[in-house]
Every structure is written in structure tokens, then in C-alpha cells.
């Protein structure tokens, strides 16, 4: 959809993917919270039957908001990487008889893999830093507690106030974020070396 010569409206898709990133996370969480709320949603037929703010689905509801907001940022990085691929490589592949699917699988994905790894690392870091979206969802759902995410735990602990414990939680969170990101990078580098 972003760079295929066969798809019409590529500019529309680029804009549609990126526009949600211009919406602040708090505003997006409020907007989606109203859409999920059975009493306020224009989709009351769905939200009345499926409790998207209940304990079973609220995590997925928050994940949807975060994905909706940040997919544009990730697409921007991946699309920039796609633009950096020299056109001669595509031309050589077409001369060798490769179709669009083969070009995507054998050229585009391997060439943008570093960008995909980068966006995955950013996503790991962002996931562990969730604060605004769950904080907003606390007003819509009783399933989101003050310790629902690590950052909410730090925030609620510092509000008690217990600054020493909040600082300790922050250090542990920073170390966990570093460890997960480093492990993912090492795993992907090991796979690339094969």
C-alpha cells in the first residue's frame, strides 16, 4: 500500500497510516475510551455485547490505542528504509523474472529488516513505559488498577509519597527495559549471522 506501483492512492495510505501519530496519546486514549464505553459509543450494539473495558479485554483495548497511535511512526521509519533501496535492484529482479510478491519477500523485507528491528526495539521500550493510556483508561474501567503497568506502579508509589521505593522501581524498570532490548538485539544479530 505504501510503495507498490499497482496500488492507487498511495499518498492516501501514507497519510492514513501517519495521521494517528499526530494525535497525542492522551487524546487518543480518551477518544477510544468513549468508543469502547457501552453507554457512550456510537457502536453500542457491539460494545453492549462485548465488554471491551472488562478485565479480560481491557489490555487489548489499550494495546489497540497504542498501536493505532504509534504505527504511523513505525511506518515512517520503515517507509524511509524502503525509499533508500536503489531502484536498480528492483529492475534487476524484474529482469530475472521476479514478480511483485517475490520482490517484496526477497528484496524489500531483507533490505528493511534493520528498520523493522529498530521499530521493534522502540516498541519494547514504549510498551514498558506505558503511562498515559492506562491512566486515562482508569476513568473508563475499574479493571485498570494503579499498578496495571510498571510506570503506573512507579507513579502511584511516588504519589503515596514513597519516593525511595518509586526510585527503586524506576531503576528496576530501566534495567528490565535495557535487558529486554539488548536480548532482542542480540537475538536478531545472531539470526543475521547465520
N, C-alpha and C. Protein backbone atom coordinates (compact mmCIF):
# COMPACT_ATOMS: atom_id res chain seq x y z
N UNK A 1 0.82 -1.21 0.00
CA UNK A 1 0.00 0.00 0.00
C UNK A 1 0.85 1.26 0.00
N UNK A 2 2.04 1.19 0.55
CA UNK A 2 2.88 2.39 0.67
C UNK A 2 3.70 2.68 -0.57
N UNK A 3 4.20 1.63 -1.22
CA UNK A 3 5.11 1.91 -2.35
C UNK A 3 4.85 1.07 -3.60
N UNK A 4 3.79 0.30 -3.60
CA UNK A 4 3.50 -0.53 -4.76
C UNK A 4 3.05 0.34 -5.93
N UNK A 5 3.57 0.02 -7.09
CA UNK A 5 3.17 0.74 -8.30
C UNK A 5 1.79 0.33 -8.78
N UNK A 6 1.26 -0.76 -8.25
CA UNK A 6 -0.04 -1.26 -8.69
C UNK A 6 -1.21 -0.67 -7.91
N UNK A 7 -0.92 -0.13 -6.74
CA UNK A 7 -1.98 0.37 -5.87
C UNK A 7 -2.24 1.84 -6.14
N UNK A 8 -3.51 2.17 -6.30
CA UNK A 8 -3.87 3.58 -6.46
C UNK A 8 -4.04 4.21 -5.08
N UNK A 9 -3.78 5.48 -5.01
CA UNK A 9 -3.98 6.19 -3.76
C UNK A 9 -2.89 5.96 -2.74
N UNK A 10 -1.66 5.78 -3.20
CA UNK A 10 -0.55 5.55 -2.26
C UNK A 10 -0.39 6.71 -1.28
N UNK A 11 -0.57 7.93 -1.75
CA UNK A 11 -0.45 9.09 -0.87
C UNK A 11 -1.51 9.05 0.23
N UNK A 12 -2.71 8.61 -0.13
CA UNK A 12 -3.76 8.49 0.87
C UNK A 12 -3.38 7.50 1.96
N UNK A 13 -2.85 6.34 1.57
CA UNK A 13 -2.46 5.33 2.55
C UNK A 13 -1.31 5.82 3.43
N UNK A 14 -0.34 6.52 2.83
CA UNK A 14 0.76 7.08 3.62
C UNK A 14 0.21 8.04 4.67
N UNK A 15 -0.69 8.89 4.25
CA UNK A 15 -1.28 9.86 5.17
C UNK A 15 -2.14 9.16 6.22
N UNK A 16 -2.94 8.17 5.80
CA UNK A 16 -3.82 7.45 6.72
C UNK A 16 -3.02 6.71 7.79
N UNK A 17 -1.85 6.18 7.42
CA UNK A 17 -1.02 5.49 8.41
C UNK A 17 -0.36 6.47 9.37
N UNK A 18 0.00 7.65 8.87
CA UNK A 18 0.77 8.58 9.70
C UNK A 18 -0.08 9.51 10.55
N UNK A 19 -1.29 9.87 10.11
CA UNK A 19 -2.11 10.85 10.83
C UNK A 19 -2.36 10.50 12.29
N UNK A 20 -2.64 9.24 12.66
CA UNK A 20 -2.85 8.96 14.09
C UNK A 20 -1.67 9.33 14.97
N UNK A 21 -0.45 9.32 14.42
CA UNK A 21 0.71 9.68 15.22
C UNK A 21 0.68 11.15 15.63
N UNK A 22 -0.04 11.97 14.86
CA UNK A 22 -0.17 13.39 15.19
C UNK A 22 -1.13 13.63 16.35
N UNK A 23 -1.91 12.61 16.70
CA UNK A 23 -2.85 12.72 17.81
C UNK A 23 -2.12 12.37 19.11
N UNK A 24 -2.10 13.25 20.11
CA UNK A 24 -1.44 12.91 21.38
C UNK A 24 -2.05 11.66 22.01
N UNK A 25 -1.22 10.89 22.71
CA UNK A 25 -1.66 9.63 23.31
C UNK A 25 -2.83 9.78 24.26
N UNK A 26 -2.86 10.87 25.03
CA UNK A 26 -3.96 11.08 25.98
C UNK A 26 -5.26 11.32 25.22
N UNK A 27 -5.20 12.14 24.18
CA UNK A 27 -6.40 12.42 23.38
C UNK A 27 -6.90 11.14 22.71
N UNK A 28 -5.97 10.35 22.18
CA UNK A 28 -6.35 9.08 21.55
C UNK A 28 -6.98 8.14 22.56
N UNK A 29 -6.43 8.08 23.77
CA UNK A 29 -6.99 7.20 24.81
C UNK A 29 -8.39 7.65 25.20
N UNK A 30 -8.61 8.95 25.32
CA UNK A 30 -9.95 9.46 25.64
C UNK A 30 -10.93 9.12 24.52
N UNK A 31 -10.50 9.36 23.27
CA UNK A 31 -11.36 9.09 22.12
C UNK A 31 -11.74 7.61 22.07
N UNK A 32 -10.74 6.71 22.18
CA UNK A 32 -11.02 5.29 22.12
C UNK A 32 -11.79 4.82 23.35
N UNK A 33 -11.53 5.44 24.50
CA UNK A 33 -12.28 5.10 25.70
C UNK A 33 -13.77 5.35 25.52
N UNK A 34 -14.11 6.48 24.88
CA UNK A 34 -15.51 6.76 24.59
C UNK A 34 -16.07 5.77 23.56
N UNK A 35 -15.24 5.39 22.58
CA UNK A 35 -15.71 4.42 21.58
C UNK A 35 -15.95 3.05 22.20
N UNK A 36 -15.16 2.69 23.21
CA UNK A 36 -15.31 1.39 23.88
C UNK A 36 -16.42 1.38 24.92
N UNK A 37 -16.77 2.53 25.44
CA UNK A 37 -17.74 2.61 26.53
C UNK A 37 -19.15 2.26 26.03
N UNK A 38 -19.83 1.29 26.65
CA UNK A 38 -21.15 0.87 26.17
C UNK A 38 -22.19 1.99 26.20
N UNK A 39 -22.08 2.91 27.14
CA UNK A 39 -23.08 3.98 27.26
C UNK A 39 -22.84 5.13 26.30
N UNK A 40 -21.61 5.30 25.82
CA UNK A 40 -21.27 6.47 25.02
C UNK A 40 -20.92 6.15 23.58
N UNK A 41 -20.64 4.91 23.29
CA UNK A 41 -20.15 4.52 21.98
C UNK A 41 -21.22 4.62 20.90
N UNK A 42 -20.84 5.09 19.70
CA UNK A 42 -21.77 5.03 18.58
C UNK A 42 -21.98 3.60 18.08
N UNK A 43 -21.16 2.69 18.58
CA UNK A 43 -21.27 1.27 18.22
C UNK A 43 -21.83 0.49 19.40
N UNK A 44 -22.89 1.00 20.00
CA UNK A 44 -23.48 0.42 21.21
C UNK A 44 -23.91 -1.03 21.00
N UNK A 45 -24.28 -1.39 19.78
CA UNK A 45 -24.68 -2.77 19.53
C UNK A 45 -23.52 -3.73 19.79
N UNK A 46 -22.30 -3.31 19.47
CA UNK A 46 -21.12 -4.16 19.69
C UNK A 46 -20.64 -4.03 21.13
N UNK A 47 -20.49 -2.80 21.62
CA UNK A 47 -19.94 -2.60 22.96
C UNK A 47 -20.90 -3.04 24.05
N UNK A 48 -22.19 -3.15 23.72
CA UNK A 48 -23.16 -3.67 24.69
C UNK A 48 -23.02 -5.16 24.88
N UNK A 49 -22.60 -5.87 23.84
CA UNK A 49 -22.45 -7.32 23.91
C UNK A 49 -21.04 -7.76 24.34
N UNK A 50 -20.05 -7.00 23.88
CA UNK A 50 -18.66 -7.33 24.19
C UNK A 50 -18.10 -6.23 25.09
N UNK A 51 -17.73 -6.60 26.30
CA UNK A 51 -17.23 -5.62 27.26
C UNK A 51 -15.73 -5.39 27.01
N UNK A 52 -15.44 -4.42 26.14
CA UNK A 52 -14.06 -4.12 25.79
C UNK A 52 -13.29 -3.47 26.92
N UNK A 53 -14.00 -2.99 27.94
CA UNK A 53 -13.35 -2.38 29.09
C UNK A 53 -13.32 -3.30 30.30
N UNK A 54 -13.75 -4.54 30.10
CA UNK A 54 -13.72 -5.53 31.18
C UNK A 54 -12.33 -6.06 31.42
N UNK A 55 -12.18 -6.81 32.49
CA UNK A 55 -10.86 -7.32 32.89
C UNK A 55 -10.22 -8.20 31.82
N UNK A 56 -11.03 -8.91 31.05
CA UNK A 56 -10.49 -9.83 30.04
C UNK A 56 -9.96 -9.11 28.80
N UNK A 57 -10.57 -7.99 28.43
CA UNK A 57 -10.23 -7.35 27.15
C UNK A 57 -9.61 -5.96 27.26
N UNK A 58 -9.52 -5.40 28.46
CA UNK A 58 -9.02 -4.03 28.57
C UNK A 58 -7.57 -3.91 28.13
N UNK A 59 -6.76 -4.94 28.37
CA UNK A 59 -5.38 -4.91 27.91
C UNK A 59 -5.31 -4.79 26.39
N UNK A 60 -6.18 -5.54 25.70
CA UNK A 60 -6.22 -5.47 24.24
C UNK A 60 -6.76 -4.14 23.76
N UNK A 61 -7.67 -3.55 24.53
CA UNK A 61 -8.19 -2.23 24.18
C UNK A 61 -7.09 -1.18 24.27
N UNK A 62 -6.29 -1.26 25.32
CA UNK A 62 -5.16 -0.33 25.47
C UNK A 62 -4.13 -0.58 24.37
N UNK A 63 -3.86 -1.85 24.09
CA UNK A 63 -2.91 -2.19 23.03
C UNK A 63 -3.37 -1.65 21.68
N UNK A 64 -4.67 -1.68 21.43
CA UNK A 64 -5.20 -1.14 20.19
C UNK A 64 -4.94 0.36 20.09
N UNK A 65 -5.15 1.07 21.19
CA UNK A 65 -4.92 2.52 21.19
C UNK A 65 -3.46 2.83 20.90
N UNK A 66 -2.56 2.13 21.59
CA UNK A 66 -1.13 2.37 21.42
C UNK A 66 -0.70 2.02 19.99
N UNK A 67 -1.19 0.91 19.48
CA UNK A 67 -0.87 0.52 18.11
C UNK A 67 -1.38 1.56 17.12
N UNK A 68 -2.62 2.00 17.32
CA UNK A 68 -3.22 2.99 16.42
C UNK A 68 -2.40 4.27 16.40
N UNK A 69 -1.91 4.69 17.55
CA UNK A 69 -1.16 5.94 17.62
C UNK A 69 0.24 5.77 17.03
N UNK A 70 0.94 4.71 17.37
CA UNK A 70 2.36 4.61 17.03
C UNK A 70 2.69 3.86 15.75
N UNK A 71 1.71 3.27 15.11
CA UNK A 71 2.01 2.57 13.85
C UNK A 71 2.50 3.57 12.80
N UNK A 72 2.01 4.79 12.82
CA UNK A 72 2.46 5.80 11.87
C UNK A 72 3.93 6.12 12.01
N UNK A 73 4.40 6.19 13.24
CA UNK A 73 5.82 6.45 13.49
C UNK A 73 6.67 5.30 12.95
N UNK A 74 6.24 4.07 13.23
CA UNK A 74 6.98 2.91 12.73
C UNK A 74 6.93 2.82 11.22
N UNK A 75 5.79 3.14 10.64
CA UNK A 75 5.66 3.13 9.18
C UNK A 75 6.59 4.15 8.56
N UNK A 76 6.72 5.31 9.18
CA UNK A 76 7.61 6.35 8.67
C UNK A 76 9.05 5.84 8.61
N UNK A 77 9.50 5.15 9.63
CA UNK A 77 10.86 4.60 9.64
C UNK A 77 11.02 3.52 8.57
N UNK A 78 10.04 2.62 8.48
CA UNK A 78 10.14 1.53 7.50
C UNK A 78 10.02 2.07 6.08
N UNK A 79 9.14 3.04 5.88
CA UNK A 79 8.98 3.62 4.54
C UNK A 79 10.24 4.36 4.11
N UNK A 80 10.89 5.05 5.03
CA UNK A 80 12.16 5.72 4.72
C UNK A 80 13.21 4.69 4.30
N UNK A 81 13.20 3.56 4.96
CA UNK A 81 14.12 2.50 4.59
C UNK A 81 13.79 1.93 3.22
N UNK A 82 12.50 1.83 2.90
CA UNK A 82 12.09 1.37 1.56
C UNK A 82 12.57 2.33 0.48
N UNK A 83 12.47 3.62 0.76
CA UNK A 83 12.90 4.62 -0.22
C UNK A 83 14.41 4.58 -0.46
N UNK A 84 15.16 4.08 0.50
CA UNK A 84 16.62 4.03 0.37
C UNK A 84 17.09 2.86 -0.50
N UNK A 85 16.20 1.94 -0.85
CA UNK A 85 16.59 0.82 -1.70
C UNK A 85 16.79 1.34 -3.11
N UNK A 86 17.95 1.09 -3.70
CA UNK A 86 18.20 1.58 -5.06
C UNK A 86 17.24 0.95 -6.07
N UNK A 87 16.67 1.76 -6.97
CA UNK A 87 15.72 1.22 -7.97
C UNK A 87 16.35 0.18 -8.89
N UNK A 88 17.66 0.22 -9.03
CA UNK A 88 18.33 -0.75 -9.91
C UNK A 88 18.15 -2.17 -9.41
N UNK A 89 18.02 -2.33 -8.10
CA UNK A 89 17.82 -3.68 -7.54
C UNK A 89 16.47 -4.22 -7.98
N UNK A 90 15.44 -3.38 -7.94
CA UNK A 90 14.12 -3.81 -8.40
C UNK A 90 14.15 -4.15 -9.89
N UNK A 91 14.84 -3.31 -10.66
CA UNK A 91 14.91 -3.53 -12.11
C UNK A 91 15.62 -4.85 -12.42
N UNK A 92 16.71 -5.13 -11.70
CA UNK A 92 17.43 -6.38 -11.90
C UNK A 92 16.55 -7.58 -11.53
N UNK A 93 15.79 -7.45 -10.48
CA UNK A 93 14.90 -8.55 -10.07
C UNK A 93 13.81 -8.78 -11.11
N UNK A 94 13.25 -7.70 -11.65
CA UNK A 94 12.22 -7.86 -12.69
C UNK A 94 12.80 -8.51 -13.93
N UNK A 95 14.04 -8.15 -14.30
CA UNK A 95 14.69 -8.76 -15.46
C UNK A 95 14.94 -10.25 -15.23
N UNK A 96 15.15 -10.62 -13.98
CA UNK A 96 15.33 -12.03 -13.66
C UNK A 96 14.00 -12.78 -13.55
N UNK A 97 12.88 -12.08 -13.72
CA UNK A 97 11.58 -12.72 -13.73
C UNK A 97 10.84 -12.68 -12.40
N UNK A 98 11.31 -11.90 -11.47
CA UNK A 98 10.64 -11.82 -10.16
C UNK A 98 9.38 -10.96 -10.27
N UNK A 99 8.31 -11.44 -9.66
CA UNK A 99 7.06 -10.69 -9.61
C UNK A 99 7.02 -9.83 -8.36
N UNK A 100 5.92 -9.08 -8.18
CA UNK A 100 5.82 -8.20 -7.00
C UNK A 100 5.93 -8.94 -5.67
N UNK A 101 5.34 -10.13 -5.56
CA UNK A 101 5.41 -10.87 -4.30
C UNK A 101 6.84 -11.32 -4.02
N UNK A 102 7.52 -11.81 -5.05
CA UNK A 102 8.91 -12.27 -4.88
C UNK A 102 9.83 -11.10 -4.54
N UNK A 103 9.61 -9.95 -5.17
CA UNK A 103 10.41 -8.75 -4.87
C UNK A 103 10.18 -8.33 -3.42
N UNK A 104 8.93 -8.35 -2.98
CA UNK A 104 8.64 -7.97 -1.60
C UNK A 104 9.31 -8.93 -0.63
N UNK A 105 9.23 -10.24 -0.88
CA UNK A 105 9.74 -11.23 0.04
C UNK A 105 11.28 -11.32 0.03
N UNK A 106 11.86 -11.23 -1.16
CA UNK A 106 13.31 -11.46 -1.28
C UNK A 106 14.15 -10.19 -1.29
N UNK A 107 13.54 -9.05 -1.56
CA UNK A 107 14.32 -7.81 -1.62
C UNK A 107 13.87 -6.82 -0.56
N UNK A 108 12.59 -6.47 -0.57
CA UNK A 108 12.14 -5.42 0.33
C UNK A 108 12.27 -5.80 1.80
N UNK A 109 11.77 -6.95 2.18
CA UNK A 109 11.81 -7.34 3.60
C UNK A 109 13.25 -7.47 4.11
N UNK A 110 14.14 -8.17 3.39
CA UNK A 110 15.53 -8.22 3.89
C UNK A 110 16.21 -6.85 3.95
N UNK A 111 15.89 -5.97 3.01
CA UNK A 111 16.53 -4.66 2.98
C UNK A 111 16.00 -3.72 4.07
N UNK A 112 14.76 -3.92 4.49
CA UNK A 112 14.21 -3.06 5.55
C UNK A 112 14.26 -3.74 6.91
N UNK A 113 14.84 -4.92 6.98
CA UNK A 113 14.91 -5.64 8.26
C UNK A 113 15.59 -4.83 9.38
N UNK A 114 16.66 -4.09 9.11
CA UNK A 114 17.21 -3.26 10.19
C UNK A 114 16.20 -2.22 10.71
N UNK A 115 15.39 -1.67 9.84
CA UNK A 115 14.36 -0.72 10.27
C UNK A 115 13.28 -1.42 11.09
N UNK A 116 12.94 -2.64 10.71
CA UNK A 116 11.96 -3.41 11.47
C UNK A 116 12.50 -3.74 12.85
N UNK A 117 13.78 -4.10 12.93
CA UNK A 117 14.41 -4.37 14.23
C UNK A 117 14.39 -3.11 15.08
N UNK A 118 14.72 -1.97 14.48
CA UNK A 118 14.72 -0.70 15.22
C UNK A 118 13.33 -0.38 15.76
N UNK A 119 12.31 -0.52 14.93
CA UNK A 119 10.95 -0.22 15.40
C UNK A 119 10.50 -1.21 16.47
N UNK A 120 10.97 -2.45 16.39
CA UNK A 120 10.64 -3.43 17.43
C UNK A 120 11.28 -3.05 18.76
N UNK A 121 12.52 -2.60 18.71
CA UNK A 121 13.18 -2.15 19.95
C UNK A 121 12.44 -0.95 20.53
N UNK A 122 12.06 0.01 19.67
CA UNK A 122 11.28 1.15 20.14
C UNK A 122 9.96 0.70 20.75
N UNK A 123 9.35 -0.32 20.17
CA UNK A 123 8.07 -0.83 20.69
C UNK A 123 8.25 -1.50 22.04
N UNK A 124 9.35 -2.24 22.22
CA UNK A 124 9.62 -2.87 23.51
C UNK A 124 9.78 -1.79 24.57
N UNK A 125 10.57 -0.77 24.26
CA UNK A 125 10.80 0.32 25.20
C UNK A 125 9.49 1.04 25.50
N UNK A 126 8.72 1.33 24.46
CA UNK A 126 7.45 2.04 24.64
C UNK A 126 6.44 1.25 25.45
N UNK A 127 6.42 -0.07 25.25
CA UNK A 127 5.48 -0.92 25.99
C UNK A 127 5.77 -0.87 27.48
N UNK A 128 7.03 -0.89 27.83
CA UNK A 128 7.39 -0.86 29.25
C UNK A 128 7.22 0.53 29.87
N UNK A 129 7.01 1.54 29.04
CA UNK A 129 6.84 2.90 29.55
C UNK A 129 5.40 3.38 29.49
N UNK A 130 4.47 2.50 29.27
CA UNK A 130 3.06 2.91 29.18
C UNK A 130 2.60 3.61 30.45
N UNK A 131 2.07 4.81 30.31
CA UNK A 131 1.53 5.51 31.46
C UNK A 131 0.25 6.25 31.10
N UNK A 132 0.29 7.06 30.06
CA UNK A 132 -0.85 7.93 29.76
C UNK A 132 -2.11 7.14 29.41
N UNK A 133 -1.97 6.17 28.53
CA UNK A 133 -3.15 5.43 28.07
C UNK A 133 -3.81 4.64 29.20
N UNK A 134 -3.06 3.85 29.99
CA UNK A 134 -3.71 3.16 31.12
C UNK A 134 -4.28 4.12 32.15
N UNK A 135 -3.59 5.25 32.37
CA UNK A 135 -4.08 6.25 33.33
C UNK A 135 -5.43 6.79 32.89
N UNK A 136 -5.58 7.06 31.60
CA UNK A 136 -6.87 7.53 31.08
C UNK A 136 -7.92 6.43 31.16
N UNK A 137 -7.53 5.21 30.86
CA UNK A 137 -8.49 4.09 30.88
C UNK A 137 -8.97 3.76 32.30
N UNK A 138 -8.24 4.21 33.32
CA UNK A 138 -8.71 4.02 34.70
C UNK A 138 -10.02 4.74 34.92
N UNK A 139 -10.28 5.83 34.20
CA UNK A 139 -11.55 6.55 34.35
C UNK A 139 -12.69 5.83 33.65
N UNK A 140 -12.37 4.95 32.71
CA UNK A 140 -13.40 4.22 31.97
C UNK A 140 -13.63 2.81 32.49
N UNK A 141 -12.60 2.24 33.14
CA UNK A 141 -12.68 0.83 33.51
C UNK A 141 -12.10 0.61 34.90
N UNK A 142 -12.84 -0.14 35.70
CA UNK A 142 -12.33 -0.49 37.03
C UNK A 142 -11.30 -1.62 36.95
N UNK A 143 -11.14 -2.21 35.77
CA UNK A 143 -10.18 -3.30 35.60
C UNK A 143 -8.74 -2.80 35.57
N UNK A 144 -8.55 -1.50 35.32
CA UNK A 144 -7.20 -0.93 35.28
C UNK A 144 -6.89 -0.36 36.67
N UNK A 145 -5.97 -1.02 37.36
CA UNK A 145 -5.63 -0.59 38.72
C UNK A 145 -4.47 0.39 38.69
N UNK A 146 -4.10 0.87 39.85
CA UNK A 146 -2.98 1.82 39.94
C UNK A 146 -1.64 1.14 39.72
N UNK A 147 -1.62 -0.18 39.65
CA UNK A 147 -0.39 -0.91 39.39
C UNK A 147 -0.49 -1.74 38.11
N UNK A 148 -1.30 -1.30 37.17
CA UNK A 148 -1.58 -2.07 35.96
C UNK A 148 -0.35 -2.18 35.05
N UNK A 149 0.43 -1.12 34.97
CA UNK A 149 1.67 -1.15 34.19
C UNK A 149 2.81 -0.74 35.11
N UNK A 150 4.05 -1.05 34.72
CA UNK A 150 5.18 -0.66 35.58
C UNK A 150 5.23 0.85 35.86
N UNK A 151 4.98 1.67 34.85
CA UNK A 151 5.03 3.12 35.07
C UNK A 151 3.89 3.60 35.97
N UNK A 152 2.73 2.96 35.88
CA UNK A 152 1.64 3.31 36.80
C UNK A 152 2.02 2.95 38.23
N UNK A 153 2.73 1.84 38.39
CA UNK A 153 3.20 1.46 39.72
C UNK A 153 4.15 2.51 40.28
N UNK A 154 5.09 2.95 39.45
CA UNK A 154 6.03 3.99 39.88
C UNK A 154 5.28 5.27 40.22
N UNK A 155 4.35 5.65 39.36
CA UNK A 155 3.59 6.89 39.57
C UNK A 155 2.76 6.82 40.86
N UNK A 156 2.05 5.72 41.05
CA UNK A 156 1.20 5.61 42.25
C UNK A 156 2.05 5.51 43.52
N UNK A 157 3.21 4.86 43.43
CA UNK A 157 4.10 4.76 44.59
C UNK A 157 4.66 6.13 44.96
N UNK A 158 4.98 6.93 43.95
CA UNK A 158 5.51 8.27 44.25
C UNK A 158 4.42 9.20 44.75
N UNK A 159 3.16 8.88 44.46
CA UNK A 159 2.04 9.71 44.92
C UNK A 159 1.68 9.45 46.37
N UNK A 160 2.17 8.35 46.94
CA UNK A 160 1.79 7.97 48.32
C UNK A 160 2.19 9.04 49.34
N UNK A 161 3.31 9.63 49.46
CA UNK A 161 4.54 9.56 48.68
C UNK A 161 5.56 8.61 49.31
N UNK A 162 6.12 7.76 48.46
CA UNK A 162 7.23 6.91 48.86
C UNK A 162 8.26 7.02 47.73
N UNK A 163 9.01 8.10 47.76
CA UNK A 163 9.92 8.41 46.68
C UNK A 163 11.06 7.40 46.55
N UNK A 164 11.52 6.88 47.67
CA UNK A 164 12.62 5.91 47.62
C UNK A 164 12.20 4.63 46.91
N UNK A 165 11.01 4.12 47.24
CA UNK A 165 10.52 2.91 46.58
C UNK A 165 10.22 3.18 45.11
N UNK A 166 9.65 4.34 44.81
CA UNK A 166 9.38 4.71 43.40
C UNK A 166 10.68 4.79 42.61
N UNK A 167 11.73 5.35 43.22
CA UNK A 167 13.03 5.42 42.54
C UNK A 167 13.59 4.03 42.32
N UNK A 168 13.42 3.14 43.29
CA UNK A 168 13.90 1.76 43.13
C UNK A 168 13.14 1.05 42.01
N UNK A 169 11.82 1.23 41.98
CA UNK A 169 11.02 0.66 40.88
C UNK A 169 11.50 1.20 39.53
N UNK A 170 11.82 2.49 39.48
CA UNK A 170 12.28 3.11 38.24
C UNK A 170 13.59 2.50 37.76
N UNK A 171 14.50 2.26 38.69
CA UNK A 171 15.79 1.65 38.33
C UNK A 171 15.57 0.23 37.81
N UNK A 172 14.72 -0.52 38.49
CA UNK A 172 14.43 -1.89 38.05
C UNK A 172 13.77 -1.87 36.67
N UNK A 173 12.86 -0.93 36.44
CA UNK A 173 12.21 -0.79 35.13
C UNK A 173 13.22 -0.45 34.05
N UNK A 174 14.14 0.46 34.34
CA UNK A 174 15.17 0.83 33.37
C UNK A 174 16.06 -0.36 33.04
N UNK A 175 16.43 -1.13 34.06
CA UNK A 175 17.26 -2.31 33.84
C UNK A 175 16.52 -3.39 33.04
N UNK A 176 15.24 -3.58 33.34
CA UNK A 176 14.43 -4.55 32.59
C UNK A 176 14.29 -4.12 31.13
N UNK A 177 14.07 -2.84 30.91
CA UNK A 177 13.95 -2.32 29.54
C UNK A 177 15.26 -2.54 28.79
N UNK A 178 16.37 -2.23 29.44
CA UNK A 178 17.67 -2.44 28.82
C UNK A 178 17.89 -3.91 28.50
N UNK A 179 17.60 -4.78 29.47
CA UNK A 179 17.82 -6.22 29.28
C UNK A 179 16.98 -6.78 28.14
N UNK A 180 15.70 -6.42 28.09
CA UNK A 180 14.85 -6.92 27.01
C UNK A 180 15.30 -6.41 25.65
N UNK A 181 15.62 -5.12 25.56
CA UNK A 181 16.07 -4.56 24.29
C UNK A 181 17.38 -5.18 23.85
N UNK A 182 18.32 -5.31 24.78
CA UNK A 182 19.62 -5.89 24.47
C UNK A 182 19.48 -7.35 24.04
N UNK A 183 18.64 -8.11 24.74
CA UNK A 183 18.41 -9.51 24.38
C UNK A 183 17.81 -9.63 22.99
N UNK A 184 16.83 -8.77 22.68
CA UNK A 184 16.22 -8.81 21.35
C UNK A 184 17.25 -8.48 20.28
N UNK A 185 18.08 -7.46 20.51
CA UNK A 185 19.11 -7.10 19.53
C UNK A 185 20.11 -8.22 19.34
N UNK A 186 20.54 -8.85 20.42
CA UNK A 186 21.47 -9.98 20.30
C UNK A 186 20.85 -11.15 19.56
N UNK A 187 19.57 -11.42 19.83
CA UNK A 187 18.87 -12.50 19.14
C UNK A 187 18.79 -12.24 17.64
N UNK A 188 18.45 -11.01 17.26
CA UNK A 188 18.35 -10.70 15.82
C UNK A 188 19.72 -10.68 15.16
N UNK A 189 20.75 -10.24 15.87
CA UNK A 189 22.10 -10.25 15.29
C UNK A 189 22.59 -11.68 15.09
N UNK A 190 22.26 -12.56 16.02
CA UNK A 190 22.66 -13.96 15.90
C UNK A 190 21.97 -14.60 14.71
N UNK A 191 20.71 -14.25 14.49
CA UNK A 191 19.98 -14.81 13.34
C UNK A 191 20.54 -14.28 12.03
N UNK A 192 20.97 -13.01 12.02
CA UNK A 192 21.56 -12.43 10.80
C UNK A 192 22.90 -13.05 10.48
N UNK A 193 23.63 -13.50 11.49
CA UNK A 193 24.96 -14.07 11.29
C UNK A 193 24.90 -15.44 10.64
N UNK A 194 23.75 -16.11 10.75
CA UNK A 194 23.62 -17.47 10.18
C UNK A 194 23.55 -17.45 8.69
